[in-house]
Each structure stands twice: as structure tokens, then as C-alpha cells.
PDB file of N, CA and C in Angstrom:
ATOM      1  N   UNK A   1     113.326  97.673 116.568  1.00  0.00           N
ATOM      2  CA  UNK A   1     112.721  97.950 115.103  1.00  0.00           C
ATOM      3  C   UNK A   1     111.371  97.988 115.445  1.00  0.00           C
ATOM      4  N   UNK A   2     110.502  98.831 114.512  1.00  0.00           N
ATOM      5  CA  UNK A   2     109.195  98.771 114.459  1.00  0.00           C
ATOM      6  C   UNK A   2     108.721  97.965 113.280  1.00  0.00           C
ATOM      7  N   UNK A   3     107.646  96.990 113.747  1.00  0.00           N
ATOM      8  CA  UNK A   3     107.266  96.185 112.626  1.00  0.00           C
ATOM      9  C   UNK A   3     105.840  96.512 112.568  1.00  0.00           C
ATOM     10  N   UNK A   4     105.522  96.780 111.366  1.00  0.00           N
ATOM     11  CA  UNK A   4     103.976  96.678 110.999  1.00  0.00           C
ATOM     12  C   UNK A   4     103.342  96.018 110.076  1.00  0.00           C
ATOM     13  N   UNK A   5     102.388  95.179 110.640  1.00  0.00           N
ATOM     14  CA  UNK A   5     101.683  94.191 109.745  1.00  0.00           C
ATOM     15  C   UNK A   5     100.397  94.221 109.438  1.00  0.00           C
ATOM     16  N   UNK A   6     100.128  93.756 108.095  1.00  0.00           N
ATOM     17  CA  UNK A   6      98.698  94.292 107.647  1.00  0.00           C
ATOM     18  C   UNK A   6      97.830  93.141 108.229  1.00  0.00           C
ATOM     19  N   UNK A   7      96.780  93.140 108.786  1.00  0.00           N
ATOM     20  CA  UNK A   7      95.806  92.154 109.326  1.00  0.00           C
ATOM     21  C   UNK A   7      94.444  91.866 108.019  1.00  0.00           C
ATOM     22  N   UNK A   8      94.435  93.142 107.247  1.00  0.00           N
ATOM     23  CA  UNK A   8      93.441  92.641 106.009  1.00  0.00           C
ATOM     24  C   UNK A   8      93.836  93.483 104.902  1.00  0.00           C
ATOM     25  N   UNK A   9      93.550  93.069 103.923  1.00  0.00           N
ATOM     26  CA  UNK A   9      93.784  93.677 102.382  1.00  0.00           C
ATOM     27  C   UNK A   9      92.578  93.469 101.772  1.00  0.00           C
ATOM     28  N   UNK A  10      92.027  94.732 101.358  1.00  0.00           N
ATOM     29  CA  UNK A  10      90.831  94.837 100.649  1.00  0.00           C
ATOM     30  C   UNK A  10      90.985  95.217  99.200  1.00  0.00           C
ATOM     31  N   UNK A  11      90.152  94.836  98.479  1.00  0.00           N
ATOM     32  CA  UNK A  11      90.267  95.482  96.930  1.00  0.00           C
ATOM     33  C   UNK A  11      88.645  95.699  96.755  1.00  0.00           C
ATOM     34  N   UNK A  12      88.256  97.285  96.327  1.00  0.00           N
ATOM     35  CA  UNK A  12      86.929  97.628  96.338  1.00  0.00           C
ATOM     36  C   UNK A  12      87.035  98.336  94.935  1.00  0.00           C
ATOM     37  N   UNK A  13      85.451  98.421  94.556  1.00  0.00           N
ATOM     38  CA  UNK A  13      85.347  98.896  93.068  1.00  0.00           C
ATOM     39  C   UNK A  13      84.119  99.750  92.857  1.00  0.00           C
ATOM     40  N   UNK A  14      84.125 100.752  92.164  1.00  0.00           N
ATOM     41  CA  UNK A  14      83.265 101.558  91.729  1.00  0.00           C
ATOM     42  C   UNK A  14      82.902 101.532  90.419  1.00  0.00           C
ATOM     43  N   UNK A  15      82.040 100.880  89.827  1.00  0.00           N
ATOM     44  CA  UNK A  15      82.050 100.699  88.238  1.00  0.00           C
ATOM     45  C   UNK A  15      81.782 102.115  87.539  1.00  0.00           C
ATOM     46  N   UNK A  16      81.961 101.871  86.409  1.00  0.00           N
ATOM     47  CA  UNK A  16      81.834 103.516  85.548  1.00  0.00           C
ATOM     48  C   UNK A  16      80.555 103.716  85.059  1.00  0.00           C
ATOM     49  N   UNK A  17      79.788 102.524  85.342  1.00  0.00           N
ATOM     50  CA  UNK A  17      78.346 102.706  84.577  1.00  0.00           C
ATOM     51  C   UNK A  17      77.108 103.661  85.538  1.00  0.00           C
ATOM     52  N   UNK A  18      76.518 103.963  85.096  1.00  0.00           N
ATOM     53  CA  UNK A  18      75.198 104.996  85.607  1.00  0.00           C
ATOM     54  C   UNK A  18      74.512 103.876  86.716  1.00  0.00           C
ATOM     55  N   UNK A  19      74.580 104.326  87.849  1.00  0.00           N
ATOM     56  CA  UNK A  19      73.883 103.419  88.820  1.00  0.00           C
ATOM     57  C   UNK A  19      74.765 102.471  89.711  1.00  0.00           C
ATOM     58  N   UNK A  20      76.053 102.708  89.458  1.00  0.00           N
ATOM     59  CA  UNK A  20      76.843 101.700  90.062  1.00  0.00           C
ATOM     60  C   UNK A  20      77.219 102.295  91.743  1.00  0.00           C
ATOM     61  N   UNK A  21      77.705 101.245  92.533  1.00  0.00           N
ATOM     62  CA  UNK A  21      77.756 101.523  93.918  1.00  0.00           C
ATOM     63  C   UNK A  21      78.826 100.883  94.183  1.00  0.00           C
ATOM     64  N   UNK A  22      79.913 101.327  95.194  1.00  0.00           N
ATOM     65  CA  UNK A  22      81.003 100.628  95.437  1.00  0.00           C
ATOM     66  C   UNK A  22      80.617  99.491  96.106  1.00  0.00           C
ATOM     67  N   UNK A  23      81.640  98.492  95.773  1.00  0.00           N
ATOM     68  CA  UNK A  23      81.355  97.066  96.470  1.00  0.00           C
ATOM     69  C   UNK A  23      82.772  96.357  96.805  1.00  0.00           C
ATOM     70  N   UNK A  24      82.876  95.714  97.877  1.00  0.00           N
ATOM     71  CA  UNK A  24      84.095  94.923  98.032  1.00  0.00           C
ATOM     72  C   UNK A  24      84.215  93.796  96.948  1.00  0.00           C
ATOM     73  N   UNK A  25      85.293  93.805  96.299  1.00  0.00           N
ATOM     74  CA  UNK A  25      85.396  92.832  95.210  1.00  0.00           C
ATOM     75  C   UNK A  25      86.295  91.560  95.754  1.00  0.00           C
ATOM     76  N   UNK A  26      87.113  91.561  96.945  1.00  0.00           N
ATOM     77  CA  UNK A  26      87.925  90.575  97.425  1.00  0.00           C
ATOM     78  C   UNK A  26      88.594  91.284  98.567  1.00  0.00           C
ATOM     79  N   UNK A  27      88.881  90.245  99.537  1.00  0.00           N
ATOM     80  CA  UNK A  27      89.605  90.555 100.752  1.00  0.00           C
ATOM     81  C   UNK A  27      90.202  89.487 101.277  1.00  0.00           C
ATOM     82  N   UNK A  28      91.424  89.747 101.820  1.00  0.00           N
ATOM     83  CA  UNK A  28      92.341  88.646 102.313  1.00  0.00           C
ATOM     84  C   UNK A  28      92.780  88.933 103.728  1.00  0.00           C
ATOM     85  N   UNK A  29      92.171  88.284 104.826  1.00  0.00           N
ATOM     86  CA  UNK A  29      91.571  87.018 104.725  1.00  0.00           C
ATOM     87  C   UNK A  29      90.184  87.568 104.665  1.00  0.00           C
ATOM     88  N   UNK A  30      89.216  86.817 104.730  1.00  0.00           N
ATOM     89  CA  UNK A  30      87.834  86.765 104.300  1.00  0.00           C
ATOM     90  C   UNK A  30      87.337  87.841 105.621  1.00  0.00           C
ATOM     91  N   UNK A  31      86.275  88.728 105.231  1.00  0.00           N
ATOM     92  CA  UNK A  31      85.765  89.536 106.152  1.00  0.00           C
ATOM     93  C   UNK A  31      84.434  89.133 106.926  1.00  0.00           C
ATOM     94  N   UNK A  32      84.559  87.530 107.153  1.00  0.00           N
ATOM     95  CA  UNK A  32      83.204  87.101 107.622  1.00  0.00           C
ATOM     96  C   UNK A  32      83.322  87.520 108.955  1.00  0.00           C
ATOM     97  N   UNK A  33      83.977  88.109 109.803  1.00  0.00           N
ATOM     98  CA  UNK A  33      84.084  88.564 111.151  1.00  0.00           C
ATOM     99  C   UNK A  33      83.298  89.830 111.378  1.00  0.00           C
ATOM    100  N   UNK A  34      83.449  90.433 110.388  1.00  0.00           N
ATOM    101  CA  UNK A  34      82.831  92.005 110.208  1.00  0.00           C
ATOM    102  C   UNK A  34      81.365  92.036 110.107  1.00  0.00           C
ATOM    103  N   UNK A  35      80.651  92.661 110.939  1.00  0.00           N
ATOM    104  CA  UNK A  35      79.186  92.886 111.053  1.00  0.00           C
ATOM    105  C   UNK A  35      78.580  93.873 110.118  1.00  0.00           C
ATOM    106  N   UNK A  36      79.217  95.007 109.791  1.00  0.00           N
ATOM    107  CA  UNK A  36      78.812  95.835 109.053  1.00  0.00           C
ATOM    108  C   UNK A  36      79.839  96.068 107.874  1.00  0.00           C
ATOM    109  N   UNK A  37      79.952  95.394 106.662  1.00  0.00           N
ATOM    110  CA  UNK A  37      80.743  95.585 105.705  1.00  0.00           C
ATOM    111  C   UNK A  37      80.676  96.782 104.894  1.00  0.00           C
ATOM    112  N   UNK A  38      79.735  97.554 105.050  1.00  0.00           N
ATOM    113  CA  UNK A  38      79.271  98.828 104.704  1.00  0.00           C
ATOM    114  C   UNK A  38      79.839  99.916 105.188  1.00  0.00           C
ATOM    115  N   UNK A  39      80.515  99.806 106.390  1.00  0.00           N
ATOM    116  CA  UNK A  39      81.148 100.866 107.270  1.00  0.00           C
ATOM    117  C   UNK A  39      82.593 100.574 107.038  1.00  0.00           C
ATOM    118  N   UNK A  40      83.056  99.387 106.454  1.00  0.00           N
ATOM    119  CA  UNK A  40      84.689  99.244 106.073  1.00  0.00           C
ATOM    120  C   UNK A  40      84.600  99.764 104.671  1.00  0.00           C
ATOM    121  N   UNK A  41      83.542  99.373 104.148  1.00  0.00           N
ATOM    122  CA  UNK A  41      83.756  99.945 102.516  1.00  0.00           C
ATOM    123  C   UNK A  41      83.686 101.423 102.452  1.00  0.00           C
ATOM    124  N   UNK A  42      82.926 102.253 103.267  1.00  0.00           N
ATOM    125  CA  UNK A  42      82.939 103.745 103.294  1.00  0.00           C
ATOM    126  C   UNK A  42      84.339 104.305 103.802  1.00  0.00           C
ATOM    127  N   UNK A  43      84.991 103.543 104.593  1.00  0.00           N
ATOM    128  CA  UNK A  43      86.266 103.984 105.186  1.00  0.00           C
ATOM    129  C   UNK A  43      87.330 103.630 103.943  1.00  0.00           C
ATOM    130  N   UNK A  44      87.346 102.681 103.289  1.00  0.00           N
ATOM    131  CA  UNK A  44      88.370 102.174 102.114  1.00  0.00           C
ATOM    132  C   UNK A  44      87.934 102.898 100.907  1.00  0.00           C
ATOM    133  N   UNK A  45      86.889 103.166 100.718  1.00  0.00           N
ATOM    134  CA  UNK A  45      86.479 104.091  99.554  1.00  0.00           C
ATOM    135  C   UNK A  45      85.598 105.262  99.745  1.00  0.00           C
ATOM    136  N   UNK A  46      85.865 106.061 100.345  1.00  0.00           N
ATOM    137  CA  UNK A  46      85.308 107.257 100.741  1.00  0.00           C
ATOM    138  C   UNK A  46      84.597 108.276  99.539  1.00  0.00           C
ATOM    139  N   UNK A  47      83.489 108.810  99.886  1.00  0.00           N
ATOM    140  CA  UNK A  47      82.837 109.555  98.906  1.00  0.00           C
ATOM    141  C   UNK A  47      83.624 110.612  98.439  1.00  0.00           C
ATOM    142  N   UNK A  48      83.798 111.085  97.155  1.00  0.00           N
ATOM    143  CA  UNK A  48      84.646 112.205  96.642  1.00  0.00           C
ATOM    144  C   UNK A  48      86.067 111.845  96.363  1.00  0.00           C
ATOM    145  N   UNK A  49      86.592 110.662  96.641  1.00  0.00           N
ATOM    146  CA  UNK A  49      87.865 110.459  96.571  1.00  0.00           C
ATOM    147  C   UNK A  49      88.340 110.236  94.921  1.00  0.00           C
ATOM    148  N   UNK A  50      89.373 110.859  94.503  1.00  0.00           N
ATOM    149  CA  UNK A  50      89.817 110.837  93.039  1.00  0.00           C
ATOM    150  C   UNK A  50      90.900 109.987  92.770  1.00  0.00           C
ATOM    151  N   UNK A  51      91.140 109.667  91.678  1.00  0.00           N
ATOM    152  CA  UNK A  51      92.084 108.867  91.046  1.00  0.00           C
ATOM    153  C   UNK A  51      93.501 109.335  91.438  1.00  0.00           C
ATOM    154  N   UNK A  52      94.365 108.732  91.934  1.00  0.00           N
ATOM    155  CA  UNK A  52      95.745 108.925  92.451  1.00  0.00           C
ATOM    156  C   UNK A  52      95.548 109.476  93.780  1.00  0.00           C
ATOM    157  N   UNK A  53      94.674 109.334  94.657  1.00  0.00           N
ATOM    158  CA  UNK A  53      94.761 109.814  96.032  1.00  0.00           C
ATOM    159  C   UNK A  53      95.122 108.428  96.872  1.00  0.00           C
ATOM    160  N   UNK A  54      95.644 109.040  97.778  1.00  0.00           N
ATOM    161  CA  UNK A  54      96.250 108.003  98.903  1.00  0.00           C
ATOM    162  C   UNK A  54      95.333 108.511 100.132  1.00  0.00           C
ATOM    163  N   UNK A  55      94.732 107.706 100.728  1.00  0.00           N
ATOM    164  CA  UNK A  55      93.813 108.188 102.011  1.00  0.00           C
ATOM    165  C   UNK A  55      94.128 107.220 103.158  1.00  0.00           C
ATOM    166  N   UNK A  56      94.190 107.983 104.091  1.00  0.00           N
ATOM    167  CA  UNK A  56      94.345 107.390 105.513  1.00  0.00           C
ATOM    168  C   UNK A  56      93.077 107.806 106.299  1.00  0.00           C
ATOM    169  N   UNK A  57      92.918 106.527 107.109  1.00  0.00           N
ATOM    170  CA  UNK A  57      91.761 106.737 108.092  1.00  0.00           C
ATOM    171  C   UNK A  57      91.803 105.711 109.198  1.00  0.00           C
ATOM    172  N   UNK A  58      90.889 105.877 109.781  1.00  0.00           N
ATOM    173  CA  UNK A  58      90.731 104.822 111.118  1.00  0.00           C
ATOM    174  C   UNK A  58      89.231 104.271 111.225  1.00  0.00           C
ATOM    175  N   UNK A  59      89.259 102.659 111.438  1.00  0.00           N
ATOM    176  CA  UNK A  59      88.102 101.958 111.395  1.00  0.00           C
ATOM    177  C   UNK A  59      88.330 101.006 112.690  1.00  0.00           C
ATOM    178  N   UNK A  60      87.627 101.277 113.781  1.00  0.00           N
ATOM    179  CA  UNK A  60      87.768 100.655 114.858  1.00  0.00           C
ATOM    180  C   UNK A  60      89.028 100.645 115.187  1.00  0.00           C
ATOM    181  N   UNK A  61      90.030  99.517 115.552  1.00  0.00           N
ATOM    182  CA  UNK A  61      91.106  99.648 115.910  1.00  0.00           C
ATOM    183  C   UNK A  61      92.154  99.521 115.098  1.00  0.00           C
ATOM    184  N   UNK A  62      91.833  99.478 113.557  1.00  0.00           N
ATOM    185  CA  UNK A  62      92.501  99.753 112.569  1.00  0.00           C
ATOM    186  C   UNK A  62      93.006 100.922 111.898  1.00  0.00           C
ATOM    187  N   UNK A  63      94.166 100.971 111.671  1.00  0.00           N
ATOM    188  CA  UNK A  63      94.286 102.339 110.600  1.00  0.00           C
ATOM    189  C   UNK A  63      94.228 101.777 109.395  1.00  0.00           C
ATOM    190  N   UNK A  64      93.655 102.473 108.396  1.00  0.00           N
ATOM    191  CA  UNK A  64      93.368 102.075 107.195  1.00  0.00           C
ATOM    192  C   UNK A  64      94.019 102.870 106.054  1.00  0.00           C
ATOM    193  N   UNK A  65      94.847 102.254 105.320  1.00  0.00           N
ATOM    194  CA  UNK A  65      95.719 103.114 104.324  1.00  0.00           C
ATOM    195  C   UNK A  65      95.062 102.629 102.848  1.00  0.00           C
ATOM    196  N   UNK A  66      94.652 103.373 102.086  1.00  0.00           N
ATOM    197  CA  UNK A  66      94.065 103.048 100.661  1.00  0.00           C
ATOM    198  C   UNK A  66      94.561 104.130  99.581  1.00  0.00           C
ATOM    199  N   UNK A  67      94.527 103.409  98.433  1.00  0.00           N
ATOM    200  CA  UNK A  67      95.188 104.188  97.269  1.00  0.00           C
ATOM    201  C   UNK A  67      94.198 103.702  96.206  1.00  0.00           C
ATOM    202  N   UNK A  68      93.760 105.090  95.381  1.00  0.00           N
ATOM    203  CA  UNK A  68      92.730 105.082  94.296  1.00  0.00           C
ATOM    204  C   UNK A  68      93.339 104.801  93.037  1.00  0.00           C
ATOM    205  N   UNK A  69      92.973 104.243  92.143  1.00  0.00           N
ATOM    206  CA  UNK A  69      93.302 104.138  90.874  1.00  0.00           C
ATOM    207  C   UNK A  69      91.956 103.633  90.020  1.00  0.00           C
ATOM    208  N   UNK A  70      92.363 103.822  88.602  1.00  0.00           N
ATOM    209  CA  UNK A  70      91.299 103.384  87.525  1.00  0.00           C
ATOM    210  C   UNK A  70      91.813 102.438  86.578  1.00  0.00           C
ATOM    211  N   UNK A  71      90.982 101.940  85.951  1.00  0.00           N
ATOM    212  CA  UNK A  71      91.016 101.090  84.798  1.00  0.00           C
ATOM    213  C   UNK A  71      90.201 101.566  83.787  1.00  0.00           C
ATOM    214  N   UNK A  72      90.777 101.897  82.588  1.00  0.00           N
ATOM    215  CA  UNK A  72      89.985 102.581  81.432  1.00  0.00           C
ATOM    216  C   UNK A  72      88.915 101.462  80.880  1.00  0.00           C
ATOM    217  N   UNK A  73      87.770 102.233  80.542  1.00  0.00           N
ATOM    218  CA  UNK A  73      86.806 101.327  79.764  1.00  0.00           C
ATOM    219  C   UNK A  73      86.602 102.181  78.498  1.00  0.00           C
ATOM    220  N   UNK A  74      86.117 101.092  77.399  1.00  0.00           N
ATOM    221  CA  UNK A  74      85.603 101.734  76.042  1.00  0.00           C
ATOM    222  C   UNK A  74      84.658 102.363  76.308  1.00  0.00           C
ATOM    223  N   UNK A  75      83.478 101.965  76.964  1.00  0.00           N
ATOM    224  CA  UNK A  75      82.073 102.395  76.921  1.00  0.00           C
ATOM    225  C   UNK A  75      81.969 103.039  78.465  1.00  0.00           C
ATOM    226  N   UNK A  76      81.277 104.016  78.575  1.00  0.00           N
ATOM    227  CA  UNK A  76      80.872 104.571  79.916  1.00  0.00           C
ATOM    228  C   UNK A  76      81.978 105.320  80.545  1.00  0.00           C
ATOM    229  N   UNK A  77      82.247 105.451  81.791  1.00  0.00           N
ATOM    230  CA  UNK A  77      83.209 105.978  82.392  1.00  0.00           C
ATOM    231  C   UNK A  77      84.275 104.916  82.875  1.00  0.00           C
ATOM    232  N   UNK A  78      85.271 105.518  83.338  1.00  0.00           N
ATOM    233  CA  UNK A  78      86.302 104.319  83.696  1.00  0.00           C
ATOM    234  C   UNK A  78      86.092 103.920  85.090  1.00  0.00           C
ATOM    235  N   UNK A  79      86.396 102.575  85.291  1.00  0.00           N
ATOM    236  CA  UNK A  79      85.951 102.127  86.823  1.00  0.00           C
ATOM    237  C   UNK A  79      87.132 102.566  87.662  1.00  0.00           C
ATOM    238  N   UNK A  80      86.765 102.694  88.984  1.00  0.00           N
ATOM    239  CA  UNK A  80      87.699 103.249  90.169  1.00  0.00           C
ATOM    240  C   UNK A  80      87.783 102.007  91.161  1.00  0.00           C
ATOM    241  N   UNK A  81      89.017 101.888  91.439  1.00  0.00           N
ATOM    242  CA  UNK A  81      89.467 100.798  92.364  1.00  0.00           C
ATOM    243  C   UNK A  81      89.936 101.364  93.524  1.00  0.00           C
ATOM    244  N   UNK A  82      89.809 100.860  94.687  1.00  0.00           N
ATOM    245  CA  UNK A  82      90.709 101.053  96.045  1.00  0.00           C
ATOM    246  C   UNK A  82      91.498  99.892  96.525  1.00  0.00           C
ATOM    247  N   UNK A  83      92.796  99.884  96.507  1.00  0.00           N
ATOM    248  CA  UNK A  83      93.538  98.835  97.236  1.00  0.00           C
ATOM    249  C   UNK A  83      93.698  99.320  98.653  1.00  0.00           C
ATOM    250  N   UNK A  84      93.194  98.661  99.757  1.00  0.00           N
ATOM    251  CA  UNK A  84      93.364  99.222 101.043  1.00  0.00           C
ATOM    252  C   UNK A  84      94.105  97.994 101.799  1.00  0.00           C
ATOM    253  N   UNK A  85      94.769  98.306 102.873  1.00  0.00           N
ATOM    254  CA  UNK A  85      95.100  97.498 104.064  1.00  0.00           C
ATOM    255  C   UNK A  85      94.481  97.906 105.446  1.00  0.00           C
ATOM    256  N   UNK A  86      94.487  97.353 106.199  1.00  0.00           N
ATOM    257  CA  UNK A  86      94.152  97.673 107.532  1.00  0.00           C
ATOM    258  C   UNK A  86      95.586  97.057 108.277  1.00  0.00           C
ATOM    259  N   UNK A  87      95.911  97.847 109.053  1.00  0.00           N
ATOM    260  CA  UNK A  87      97.175  97.889 109.753  1.00  0.00           C
ATOM    261  C   UNK A  87      96.782  97.764 111.442  1.00  0.00           C
TER     262      UNK A  87
END
């Protein structure tokens, strides 16, 4: 039987307001061991990704699976979120 386990889970956000940039909101466990957090952020939340997209990529030794969704806002645009796991 093949068993795949997640080593990291990340929750990233792109705010709906003008001038917002993607950011890592939370991770489990902590990303303290990662030198370049912007690299992993770009992998989990790639430019041009759309709501409802499921994205697969690689980051170093990991396979990264991300799902993009939105949370509606009353003002400005909706916030986009990425829920990613590193396998």
C-alpha cells in the first residue's frame, strides 16, 4: 500500500485591496527552516492563478498541491486564498 504524508501545510492570502501582495498567513509546522519563504510562496500561490484552480508543482524535494478559493468582501475585491500541502 502506498502511503503519502504531508510534511507541511500552508495557508496563503492575496488581499482584495489595491497594492496587496501574497503572504503566508499560517503554516504547520513552522517554516523556520526555509531560507527563502518568497520561493515557497510563489510555488503555492503562482501569479495568474484563478479561483477554483487546483495547482500542482515542485519545490525542492517536495510535490506541492494547492487549491485556490475566495472569501467575498463587501468593499474592494474578494480575497484569494491558497491552501497548499507539501508532500
